[in-house]
PDB file of all heavy atoms in Angstrom:
ATOM      1  N   ASN A   1      44.453 122.095  54.230  1.00  0.00           N
ATOM      2  CA  ASN A   1      44.698 121.593  52.875  1.00  0.00           C
ATOM      3  C   ASN A   1      44.149 122.513  51.793  1.00  0.00           C
ATOM      4  O   ASN A   1      44.446 122.321  50.619  1.00  0.00           O
ATOM      5  CB  ASN A   1      44.088 120.194  52.710  1.00  0.00           C
ATOM      6  CG  ASN A   1      44.938 119.125  53.355  1.00  0.00           C
ATOM      7  OD1 ASN A   1      46.156 119.117  53.213  1.00  0.00           O
ATOM      8  ND2 ASN A   1      44.316 118.215  54.099  1.00  0.00           N
ATOM      9  N   ASN A   2      43.366 123.505  52.171  1.00  0.00           N
ATOM     10  CA  ASN A   2      42.827 124.468  51.208  1.00  0.00           C
ATOM     11  C   ASN A   2      43.895 125.515  50.907  1.00  0.00           C
ATOM     12  O   ASN A   2      44.156 126.402  51.702  1.00  0.00           O
ATOM     13  CB  ASN A   2      41.572 125.128  51.770  1.00  0.00           C
ATOM     14  CG  ASN A   2      40.923 126.076  50.778  1.00  0.00           C
ATOM     15  OD1 ASN A   2      41.466 126.388  49.715  1.00  0.00           O
ATOM     16  ND2 ASN A   2      39.750 126.563  51.126  1.00  0.00           N
ATOM     17  N   ASN A   3      44.514 125.412  49.727  1.00  0.00           N
ATOM     18  CA  ASN A   3      45.627 126.321  49.424  1.00  0.00           C
ATOM     19  C   ASN A   3      45.198 127.780  49.282  1.00  0.00           C
ATOM     20  O   ASN A   3      46.018 128.686  49.302  1.00  0.00           O
ATOM     21  CB  ASN A   3      46.388 125.871  48.165  1.00  0.00           C
ATOM     22  CG  ASN A   3      45.489 125.752  46.942  1.00  0.00           C
ATOM     23  OD1 ASN A   3      44.380 126.267  46.915  1.00  0.00           O
ATOM     24  ND2 ASN A   3      45.977 125.075  45.915  1.00  0.00           N
ATOM     25  N   LYS A   4      43.888 128.023  49.153  1.00  0.00           N
ATOM     26  CA  LYS A   4      43.416 129.405  49.082  1.00  0.00           C
ATOM     27  C   LYS A   4      43.553 130.120  50.431  1.00  0.00           C
ATOM     28  O   LYS A   4      43.514 131.349  50.504  1.00  0.00           O
ATOM     29  CB  LYS A   4      41.965 129.452  48.614  1.00  0.00           C
ATOM     30  CG  LYS A   4      41.778 128.986  47.167  1.00  0.00           C
ATOM     31  CD  LYS A   4      40.320 129.060  46.747  1.00  0.00           C
ATOM     32  CE  LYS A   4      40.143 128.573  45.310  1.00  0.00           C
ATOM     33  NZ  LYS A   4      38.726 128.619  44.876  1.00  0.00           N
ATOM     34  N   LEU A   5      43.712 129.339  51.502  1.00  0.00           N
ATOM     35  CA  LEU A   5      43.842 129.915  52.842  1.00  0.00           C
ATOM     36  C   LEU A   5      45.288 130.175  53.227  1.00  0.00           C
ATOM     37  O   LEU A   5      45.554 130.906  54.178  1.00  0.00           O
ATOM     38  CB  LEU A   5      43.196 128.989  53.875  1.00  0.00           C
ATOM     39  CG  LEU A   5      41.687 128.761  53.774  1.00  0.00           C
ATOM     40  CD1 LEU A   5      41.240 127.757  54.832  1.00  0.00           C
ATOM     41  CD2 LEU A   5      40.933 130.078  53.929  1.00  0.00           C
ATOM     42  N   TRP A   6      46.238 129.572  52.492  1.00  0.00           N
ATOM     43  CA  TRP A   6      47.648 129.706  52.859  1.00  0.00           C
ATOM     44  C   TRP A   6      48.064 131.171  52.804  1.00  0.00           C
ATOM     45  O   TRP A   6      47.766 131.887  51.846  1.00  0.00           O
ATOM     46  CB  TRP A   6      48.537 128.879  51.931  1.00  0.00           C
ATOM     47  CG  TRP A   6      48.256 127.411  51.995  1.00  0.00           C
ATOM     48  CD1 TRP A   6      47.507 126.752  52.928  1.00  0.00           C
ATOM     49  CD2 TRP A   6      48.708 126.418  51.073  1.00  0.00           C
ATOM     50  NE1 TRP A   6      47.461 125.412  52.647  1.00  0.00           N
ATOM     51  CE2 TRP A   6      48.183 125.169  51.509  1.00  0.00           C
ATOM     52  CE3 TRP A   6      49.474 126.452  49.918  1.00  0.00           C
ATOM     53  CZ2 TRP A   6      48.432 123.991  50.827  1.00  0.00           C
ATOM     54  CZ3 TRP A   6      49.721 125.269  49.234  1.00  0.00           C
ATOM     55  CH2 TRP A   6      49.208 124.050  49.694  1.00  0.00           C
ATOM     56  N   GLY A   7      48.735 131.631  53.848  1.00  0.00           N
ATOM     57  CA  GLY A   7      49.197 133.005  53.908  1.00  0.00           C
ATOM     58  C   GLY A   7      48.211 133.945  54.574  1.00  0.00           C
ATOM     59  O   GLY A   7      48.563 135.075  54.919  1.00  0.00           O
ATOM     60  N   THR A   8      46.969 133.492  54.762  1.00  0.00           N
ATOM     61  CA  THR A   8      46.005 134.317  55.480  1.00  0.00           C
ATOM     62  C   THR A   8      46.246 134.186  56.981  1.00  0.00           C
ATOM     63  O   THR A   8      46.997 133.316  57.432  1.00  0.00           O
ATOM     64  CB  THR A   8      44.558 133.915  55.147  1.00  0.00           C
ATOM     65  OG1 THR A   8      44.330 132.558  55.542  1.00  0.00           O
ATOM     66  CG2 THR A   8      44.287 134.034  53.659  1.00  0.00           C
ATOM     67  N   VAL A   9      45.610 135.059  57.740  1.00  0.00           N
ATOM     68  CA  VAL A   9      45.834 135.085  59.190  1.00  0.00           C
ATOM     69  C   VAL A   9      44.501 134.964  59.912  1.00  0.00           C
ATOM     70  O   VAL A   9      43.555 135.700  59.608  1.00  0.00           O
ATOM     71  CB  VAL A   9      46.550 136.384  59.613  1.00  0.00           C
ATOM     72  CG1 VAL A   9      46.701 136.447  61.125  1.00  0.00           C
ATOM     73  CG2 VAL A   9      47.913 136.478  58.940  1.00  0.00           C
ATOM     74  N   LEU A  10      44.404 134.019  60.847  1.00  0.00           N
ATOM     75  CA  LEU A  10      43.216 133.833  61.675  1.00  0.00           C
ATOM     76  C   LEU A  10      43.594 134.042  63.126  1.00  0.00           C
ATOM     77  O   LEU A  10      44.517 133.387  63.626  1.00  0.00           O
ATOM     78  CB  LEU A  10      42.637 132.424  61.484  1.00  0.00           C
ATOM     79  CG  LEU A  10      42.144 132.056  60.083  1.00  0.00           C
ATOM     80  CD1 LEU A  10      41.707 130.592  60.057  1.00  0.00           C
ATOM     81  CD2 LEU A  10      40.997 132.954  59.654  1.00  0.00           C
ATOM     82  N   ASN A  11      42.909 134.962  63.794  1.00  0.00           N
ATOM     83  CA  ASN A  11      43.199 135.249  65.201  1.00  0.00           C
ATOM     84  C   ASN A  11      44.679 135.527  65.448  1.00  0.00           C
ATOM     85  O   ASN A  11      45.259 135.107  66.442  1.00  0.00           O
ATOM     86  CB  ASN A  11      42.735 134.087  66.092  1.00  0.00           C
ATOM     87  CG  ASN A  11      41.249 133.849  65.980  1.00  0.00           C
ATOM     88  OD1 ASN A  11      40.812 132.873  65.379  1.00  0.00           O
ATOM     89  ND2 ASN A  11      40.453 134.731  66.542  1.00  0.00           N
ATOM     90  N   GLY A  12      45.289 136.217  64.480  1.00  0.00           N
ATOM     91  CA  GLY A  12      46.699 136.555  64.612  1.00  0.00           C
ATOM     92  C   GLY A  12      47.658 135.430  64.300  1.00  0.00           C
ATOM     93  O   GLY A  12      48.871 135.566  64.525  1.00  0.00           O
ATOM     94  N   ILE A  13      47.156 134.309  63.766  1.00  0.00           N
ATOM     95  CA  ILE A  13      47.980 133.134  63.491  1.00  0.00           C
ATOM     96  C   ILE A  13      47.935 132.831  61.996  1.00  0.00           C
ATOM     97  O   ILE A  13      46.859 132.793  61.399  1.00  0.00           O
ATOM     98  CB  ILE A  13      47.485 131.910  64.280  1.00  0.00           C
ATOM     99  CG1 ILE A  13      47.434 132.242  65.777  1.00  0.00           C
ATOM    100  CG2 ILE A  13      48.379 130.699  64.042  1.00  0.00           C
ATOM    101  CD1 ILE A  13      46.580 131.290  66.573  1.00  0.00           C
ATOM    102  N   GLU A  14      49.088 132.606  61.404  1.00  0.00           N
ATOM    103  CA  GLU A  14      49.147 132.364  59.968  1.00  0.00           C
ATOM    104  C   GLU A  14      48.677 130.949  59.623  1.00  0.00           C
ATOM    105  O   GLU A  14      48.973 129.988  60.325  1.00  0.00           O
ATOM    106  CB  GLU A  14      50.580 132.549  59.452  1.00  0.00           C
ATOM    107  CG  GLU A  14      50.686 132.370  57.935  1.00  0.00           C
ATOM    108  CD  GLU A  14      52.087 132.598  57.402  1.00  0.00           C
ATOM    109  OE1 GLU A  14      52.991 132.898  58.218  1.00  0.00           O
ATOM    110  OE2 GLU A  14      52.284 132.458  56.181  1.00  0.00           O
ATOM    111  N   VAL A  15      47.936 130.840  58.524  1.00  0.00           N
ATOM    112  CA  VAL A  15      47.526 129.532  57.996  1.00  0.00           C
ATOM    113  C   VAL A  15      48.567 129.090  56.972  1.00  0.00           C
ATOM    114  O   VAL A  15      48.887 129.836  56.047  1.00  0.00           O
ATOM    115  CB  VAL A  15      46.140 129.604  57.336  1.00  0.00           C
ATOM    116  CG1 VAL A  15      45.723 128.221  56.833  1.00  0.00           C
ATOM    117  CG2 VAL A  15      45.101 130.144  58.317  1.00  0.00           C
ATOM    118  N   CYS A  16      49.085 127.876  57.135  1.00  0.00           N
ATOM    119  CA  CYS A  16      50.217 127.414  56.331  1.00  0.00           C
ATOM    120  C   CYS A  16      49.897 126.131  55.572  1.00  0.00           C
ATOM    121  O   CYS A  16      48.922 125.432  55.855  1.00  0.00           O
ATOM    122  CB  CYS A  16      51.430 127.160  57.231  1.00  0.00           C
ATOM    123  SG  CYS A  16      51.957 128.584  58.199  1.00  0.00           S
ATOM    124  N   ASN A  17      50.777 125.824  54.649  1.00  0.00           N
ATOM    125  CA  ASN A  17      50.762 124.549  53.929  1.00  0.00           C
ATOM    126  C   ASN A  17      51.098 123.430  54.931  1.00  0.00           C
ATOM    127  O   ASN A  17      52.065 123.546  55.693  1.00  0.00           O
ATOM    128  CB  ASN A  17      51.821 124.616  52.829  1.00  0.00           C
ATOM    129  CG  ASN A  17      51.849 123.378  51.954  1.00  0.00           C
ATOM    130  OD1 ASN A  17      51.530 122.282  52.394  1.00  0.00           O
ATOM    131  ND2 ASN A  17      52.243 123.559  50.717  1.00  0.00           N
ATOM    132  N   PRO A  18      50.336 122.331  54.944  1.00  0.00           N
ATOM    133  CA  PRO A  18      50.637 121.231  55.885  1.00  0.00           C
ATOM    134  C   PRO A  18      52.045 120.680  55.768  1.00  0.00           C
ATOM    135  O   PRO A  18      52.568 120.122  56.743  1.00  0.00           O
ATOM    136  CB  PRO A  18      49.592 120.166  55.515  1.00  0.00           C
ATOM    137  CG  PRO A  18      48.457 120.947  54.930  1.00  0.00           C
ATOM    138  CD  PRO A  18      49.099 122.083  54.177  1.00  0.00           C
ATOM    139  N   ASP A  19      52.681 120.839  54.601  1.00  0.00           N
ATOM    140  CA  ASP A  19      54.041 120.318  54.446  1.00  0.00           C
ATOM    141  C   ASP A  19      55.021 120.951  55.434  1.00  0.00           C
ATOM    142  O   ASP A  19      56.059 120.376  55.753  1.00  0.00           O
ATOM    143  CB  ASP A  19      54.538 120.562  53.019  1.00  0.00           C
ATOM    144  CG  ASP A  19      53.821 119.678  52.005  1.00  0.00           C
ATOM    145  OD1 ASP A  19      53.155 118.718  52.432  1.00  0.00           O
ATOM    146  OD2 ASP A  19      53.914 119.955  50.793  1.00  0.00           O
ATOM    147  N   LYS A  20      54.692 122.140  55.935  1.00  0.00           N
ATOM    148  CA  LYS A  20      55.577 122.825  56.875  1.00  0.00           C
ATOM    149  C   LYS A  20      55.664 122.118  58.229  1.00  0.00           C
ATOM    150  O   LYS A  20      56.551 122.398  59.036  1.00  0.00           O
ATOM    151  CB  LYS A  20      55.122 124.275  57.073  1.00  0.00           C
ATOM    152  CG  LYS A  20      55.437 125.197  55.899  1.00  0.00           C
ATOM    153  CD  LYS A  20      55.116 126.631  56.241  1.00  0.00           C
ATOM    154  CE  LYS A  20      55.637 127.575  55.177  1.00  0.00           C
ATOM    155  NZ  LYS A  20      57.114 127.649  55.171  1.00  0.00           N
ATOM    156  N   ILE A  21      54.714 121.200  58.473  1.00  0.00           N
ATOM    157  CA  ILE A  21      54.736 120.446  59.730  1.00  0.00           C
ATOM    158  C   ILE A  21      56.093 119.781  59.943  1.00  0.00           C
ATOM    159  O   ILE A  21      56.574 119.664  61.072  1.00  0.00           O
ATOM    160  CB  ILE A  21      53.607 119.389  59.733  1.00  0.00           C
ATOM    161  CG1 ILE A  21      52.239 120.089  59.838  1.00  0.00           C
ATOM    162  CG2 ILE A  21      53.775 118.389  60.865  1.00  0.00           C
ATOM    163  CD1 ILE A  21      51.071 119.165  59.606  1.00  0.00           C
ATOM    164  N   GLN A  22      56.712 119.374  58.845  1.00  0.00           N
ATOM    165  CA  GLN A  22      57.999 118.681  58.922  1.00  0.00           C
ATOM    166  C   GLN A  22      59.103 119.588  59.472  1.00  0.00           C
ATOM    167  O   GLN A  22      60.127 119.100  59.951  1.00  0.00           O
ATOM    168  CB  GLN A  22      58.393 118.179  57.533  1.00  0.00           C
ATOM    169  CG  GLN A  22      57.371 117.239  56.915  1.00  0.00           C
ATOM    170  CD  GLN A  22      57.662 116.930  55.456  1.00  0.00           C
ATOM    171  OE1 GLN A  22      58.348 115.958  55.150  1.00  0.00           O
ATOM    172  NE2 GLN A  22      57.159 117.753  54.555  1.00  0.00           N
ATOM    173  N   GLU A  23      58.910 120.911  59.397  1.00  0.00           N
ATOM    174  CA  GLU A  23      59.941 121.852  59.818  1.00  0.00           C
ATOM    175  C   GLU A  23      59.833 122.218  61.298  1.00  0.00           C
ATOM    176  O   GLU A  23      60.748 122.823  61.848  1.00  0.00           O
ATOM    177  CB  GLU A  23      59.844 123.137  58.980  1.00  0.00           C
ATOM    178  CG  GLU A  23      59.931 122.911  57.482  1.00  0.00           C
ATOM    179  CD  GLU A  23      59.636 124.181  56.689  1.00  0.00           C
ATOM    180  OE1 GLU A  23      59.551 125.265  57.317  1.00  0.00           O
ATOM    181  OE2 GLU A  23      59.489 124.088  55.459  1.00  0.00           O
ATOM    182  N   TRP A  24      58.708 121.885  61.940  1.00  0.00           N
ATOM    183  CA  TRP A  24      58.458 122.362  63.298  1.00  0.00           C
ATOM    184  C   TRP A  24      58.631 121.241  64.330  1.00  0.00           C
ATOM    185  O   TRP A  24      58.322 120.086  64.076  1.00  0.00           O
ATOM    186  CB  TRP A  24      57.034 122.915  63.413  1.00  0.00           C
ATOM    187  CG  TRP A  24      56.732 124.051  62.486  1.00  0.00           C
ATOM    188  CD1 TRP A  24      57.583 125.061  62.119  1.00  0.00           C
ATOM    189  CD2 TRP A  24      55.503 124.293  61.801  1.00  0.00           C
ATOM    190  NE1 TRP A  24      56.944 125.915  61.259  1.00  0.00           N
ATOM    191  CE2 TRP A  24      55.674 125.474  61.043  1.00  0.00           C
ATOM    192  CE3 TRP A  24      54.262 123.642  61.762  1.00  0.00           C
ATOM    193  CZ2 TRP A  24      54.666 126.004  60.248  1.00  0.00           C
ATOM    194  CZ3 TRP A  24      53.249 124.167  60.973  1.00  0.00           C
ATOM    195  CH2 TRP A  24      53.462 125.334  60.235  1.00  0.00           C
ATOM    196  N   ASP A  25      59.078 121.627  65.495  1.00  0.00           N
ATOM    197  CA  ASP A  25      59.205 120.696  66.624  1.00  0.00           C
ATOM    198  C   ASP A  25      58.105 121.041  67.630  1.00  0.00           C
ATOM    199  O   ASP A  25      58.277 121.924  68.466  1.00  0.00           O
ATOM    200  CB  ASP A  25      60.593 120.829  67.260  1.00  0.00           C
ATOM    201  CG  ASP A  25      60.792 119.837  68.401  1.00  0.00           C
ATOM    202  OD1 ASP A  25      60.027 118.844  68.457  1.00  0.00           O
ATOM    203  OD2 ASP A  25      61.677 120.067  69.234  1.00  0.00           O
ATOM    204  N   MET A  26      56.977 120.362  67.530  1.00  0.00           N
ATOM    205  CA  MET A  26      55.799 120.681  68.319  1.00  0.00           C
ATOM    206  C   MET A  26      55.509 119.570  69.331  1.00  0.00           C
ATOM    207  O   MET A  26      55.834 118.397  69.095  1.00  0.00           O
ATOM    208  CB  MET A  26      54.577 120.852  67.410  1.00  0.00           C
ATOM    209  CG  MET A  26      54.653 122.043  66.459  1.00  0.00           C
ATOM    210  SD  MET A  26      54.531 123.618  67.323  1.00  0.00           S
ATOM    211  CE  MET A  26      56.231 124.185  67.217  1.00  0.00           C
ATOM    212  N   ASP A  27      54.864 119.934  70.442  1.00  0.00           N
ATOM    213  CA  ASP A  27      54.450 118.932  71.423  1.00  0.00           C
ATOM    214  C   ASP A  27      53.278 118.113  70.892  1.00  0.00           C
ATOM    215  O   ASP A  27      53.235 116.891  71.051  1.00  0.00           O
ATOM    216  CB  ASP A  27      54.036 119.617  72.729  1.00  0.00           C
ATOM    217  CG  ASP A  27      55.218 120.288  73.413  1.00  0.00           C
ATOM    218  OD1 ASP A  27      56.227 119.609  73.624  1.00  0.00           O
ATOM    219  OD2 ASP A  27      55.122 121.492  73.721  1.00  0.00           O
ATOM    220  N   TYR A  28      52.301 118.809  70.291  1.00  0.00           N
ATOM    221  CA  TYR A  28      51.099 118.117  69.814  1.00  0.00           C
ATOM    222  C   TYR A  28      50.609 118.736  68.508  1.00  0.00           C
ATOM    223  O   TYR A  28      50.841 119.923  68.228  1.00  0.00           O
ATOM    224  CB  TYR A  28      49.956 118.218  70.841  1.00  0.00           C
ATOM    225  CG  TYR A  28      50.225 117.486  72.121  1.00  0.00           C
ATOM    226  CD1 TYR A  28      50.740 118.157  73.232  1.00  0.00           C
ATOM    227  CD2 TYR A  28      49.965 116.122  72.232  1.00  0.00           C
ATOM    228  CE1 TYR A  28      50.992 117.490  74.415  1.00  0.00           C
ATOM    229  CE2 TYR A  28      50.210 115.442  73.416  1.00  0.00           C
ATOM    230  CZ  TYR A  28      50.723 116.128  74.508  1.00  0.00           C
ATOM    231  OH  TYR A  28      50.962 115.452  75.673  1.00  0.00           O
ATOM    232  N   LEU A  29      49.928 117.925  67.742  1.00  0.00           N
ATOM    233  CA  LEU A  29      49.146 118.405  66.605  1.00  0.00           C
ATOM    234  C   LEU A  29      47.687 118.089  66.909  1.00  0.00           C
ATOM    235  O   LEU A  29      47.349 116.936  67.212  1.00  0.00           O
ATOM    236  CB  LEU A  29      49.564 117.735  65.297  1.00  0.00           C
ATOM    237  CG  LEU A  29      48.806 118.234  64.055  1.00  0.00           C
ATOM    238  CD1 LEU A  29      49.736 118.370  62.862  1.00  0.00           C
ATOM    239  CD2 LEU A  29      47.621 117.327  63.702  1.00  0.00           C
ATOM    240  N   ILE A  30      46.837 119.099  66.865  1.00  0.00           N
ATOM    241  CA  ILE A  30      45.418 118.915  67.168  1.00  0.00           C
ATOM    242  C   ILE A  30      44.624 119.005  65.867  1.00  0.00           C
ATOM    243  O   ILE A  30      44.720 119.995  65.137  1.00  0.00           O
ATOM    244  CB  ILE A  30      44.913 119.982  68.157  1.00  0.00           C
ATOM    245  CG1 ILE A  30      45.747 119.954  69.444  1.00  0.00           C
ATOM    246  CG2 ILE A  30      43.441 119.750  68.475  1.00  0.00           C
ATOM    247  CD1 ILE A  30      45.353 120.997  70.454  1.00  0.00           C
ATOM    248  N   ILE A  31      43.880 117.969  65.575  1.00  0.00           N
ATOM    249  CA  ILE A  31      43.049 117.953  64.365  1.00  0.00           C
ATOM    250  C   ILE A  31      41.764 118.713  64.657  1.00  0.00           C
ATOM    251  O   ILE A  31      40.907 118.249  65.413  1.00  0.00           O
ATOM    252  CB  ILE A  31      42.750 116.515  63.908  1.00  0.00           C
ATOM    253  CG1 ILE A  31      44.053 115.767  63.596  1.00  0.00           C
ATOM    254  CG2 ILE A  31      41.841 116.523  62.681  1.00  0.00           C
ATOM    255  CD1 ILE A  31      43.849 114.306  63.264  1.00  0.00           C
TER     256      ILE A  31
END
């Protein structure tokens, strides 16, 4: 939810806006 992190990369994985969850077909979401 921290928009300052959006677009940054952690361990080779992009940090995104949570709204994008609606676009993905995932098995699980881990909090």
